[in-house]
Protein backbone atom coordinates (compact mmCIF):
# COMPACT_ATOMS: atom_id res chain seq x y z
CA UNK A 1 0.00 0.00 0.00
CA UNK A 2 2.84 2.39 0.86
CA UNK A 3 4.45 1.90 -2.55
CA UNK A 4 1.13 2.51 -4.33
CA UNK A 5 0.50 5.67 -2.32
CA UNK A 6 4.02 6.91 -2.94
CA UNK A 7 3.67 6.22 -6.66
CA UNK A 8 0.49 8.31 -6.64
CA UNK A 9 2.27 11.18 -4.82
CA UNK A 10 0.20 10.61 -1.68
CA UNK A 11 2.28 11.30 1.44
CA UNK A 12 2.83 8.21 3.56
CA UNK A 13 3.30 8.27 7.33
CA UNK A 14 4.14 4.87 8.77
CA UNK A 15 4.35 3.84 12.40
CA UNK A 16 7.47 2.49 14.09
CA UNK A 17 9.21 2.36 17.43
CA UNK A 18 12.66 0.82 17.00
CA UNK A 19 15.42 2.10 14.72
CA UNK A 20 15.03 -1.08 12.66
CA UNK A 21 11.34 -0.32 12.17
CA UNK A 22 12.11 3.29 11.22
CA UNK A 23 14.54 2.02 8.59
CA UNK A 24 11.95 -0.45 7.27
CA UNK A 25 9.33 2.31 7.05
CA UNK A 26 11.78 4.38 4.99
CA UNK A 27 12.57 1.41 2.75
CA UNK A 28 8.84 1.00 2.11
CA UNK A 29 8.53 4.63 1.03
CA UNK A 30 7.42 6.51 4.15
CA UNK A 31 7.66 10.29 3.91
CA UNK A 32 7.48 10.58 7.71
CA UNK A 33 7.55 8.09 10.56
CA UNK A 34 5.15 8.13 13.49
CA UNK A 35 6.94 6.98 16.64
CA UNK A 36 4.43 5.00 18.72
CA UNK A 37 4.11 4.81 21.62
CA UNK A 38 6.30 7.85 22.10
CA UNK A 39 5.66 7.88 25.84
CA UNK A 40 7.48 4.53 26.12
CA UNK A 41 10.89 6.21 25.76
CA UNK A 42 10.08 9.91 26.09
CA UNK A 43 11.20 13.01 24.22
CA UNK A 44 14.95 12.25 24.35
CA UNK A 45 14.32 9.13 22.27
CA UNK A 46 13.29 11.34 19.34
CA UNK A 47 16.63 13.14 19.63
CA UNK A 48 18.41 9.78 19.72
CA UNK A 49 16.61 8.61 16.57
CA UNK A 50 17.61 11.80 14.77
CA UNK A 51 21.23 10.68 14.98
CA UNK A 52 20.95 7.82 12.48
CA UNK A 53 17.95 9.40 10.74
CA UNK A 54 18.74 13.13 10.52
CA UNK A 55 16.50 13.86 7.53
CA UNK A 56 13.46 11.83 8.58
CA UNK A 57 10.42 13.76 9.82
CA UNK A 58 9.48 12.01 13.08
CA UNK A 59 6.01 12.38 14.57
CA UNK A 60 5.45 11.62 18.26
CA UNK A 61 2.25 9.69 18.98
CA UNK A 62 0.94 7.67 21.89
CA UNK A 63 0.93 9.19 25.33
CA UNK A 64 1.50 12.73 24.10
CA UNK A 65 -0.24 15.25 26.34
CA UNK A 66 -0.11 18.87 27.48
CA UNK A 67 2.70 18.07 29.91
CA UNK A 68 5.10 16.50 27.40
CA UNK A 69 4.13 17.70 23.89
CA UNK A 70 6.51 20.66 23.84
CA UNK A 71 9.33 18.40 25.02
CA UNK A 72 8.82 16.12 22.02
CA UNK A 73 8.93 19.10 19.66
CA UNK A 74 12.06 20.59 21.20
CA UNK A 75 13.67 17.14 21.02
CA UNK A 76 13.25 16.99 17.27
CA UNK A 77 9.74 15.77 16.53
CA UNK A 78 8.33 17.47 13.44
CA UNK A 79 4.82 17.10 14.87
CA UNK A 80 2.89 15.52 17.72
CA UNK A 81 -0.39 13.65 17.70
CA UNK A 82 -3.09 14.26 20.27
CA UNK A 83 -5.12 11.15 20.96
CA UNK A 84 -6.91 9.71 23.95
CA UNK A 85 -4.82 11.80 26.34
CA UNK A 86 -6.66 14.83 24.96
CA UNK A 87 -9.91 13.21 23.82
CA UNK A 88 -10.61 10.26 26.15
CA UNK A 89 -13.21 7.85 24.73
CA UNK A 90 -15.34 8.02 27.91
CA UNK A 91 -15.48 11.82 27.72
CA UNK A 92 -16.53 11.62 24.05
CA UNK A 93 -19.15 8.96 24.84
CA UNK A 94 -20.54 11.21 27.57
CA UNK A 95 -20.70 14.13 25.15
CA UNK A 96 -18.75 16.31 27.56
CA UNK A 97 -17.76 18.89 24.96
CA UNK A 98 -16.71 21.53 27.51
CA UNK A 99 -14.19 19.04 28.96
CA UNK A 100 -12.90 18.16 25.50
CA UNK A 101 -12.57 21.86 24.73
CA UNK A 102 -10.69 22.41 28.00
CA UNK A 103 -8.31 19.54 27.25
CA UNK A 104 -7.72 20.68 23.67
CA UNK A 105 -7.06 24.24 24.81
CA UNK A 106 -4.59 23.06 27.47
CA UNK A 107 -2.82 20.95 24.85
CA UNK A 108 -2.49 23.76 22.30
CA UNK A 109 -1.59 26.31 24.98
CA UNK A 110 1.27 24.07 26.11
CA UNK A 111 2.81 24.41 22.65
CA UNK A 112 2.97 28.21 22.69
């Protein structure tokens, strides 16, 4: 699928955690690599991965929240993903939109 997307000029972001997986994602045609779960090793791990992969856009995902998002960016992540830390499934199921708004605002404010 990655090769077909790449051939059609559709950007491909593949998931990985280990350096071997990052290399495989690149071999398969990834334009960027989503490091998941980023929380497992923390922001410094993104800086460590940049050593062997200096030109690879890395995206931190999994466990990224208002407390650590800026740290991932300053450690070399090109972007961060906000998932269940910002939009917990139970809060969505309850329709608690003010809480979701509060969490989203805290997340974006932490990046300023």
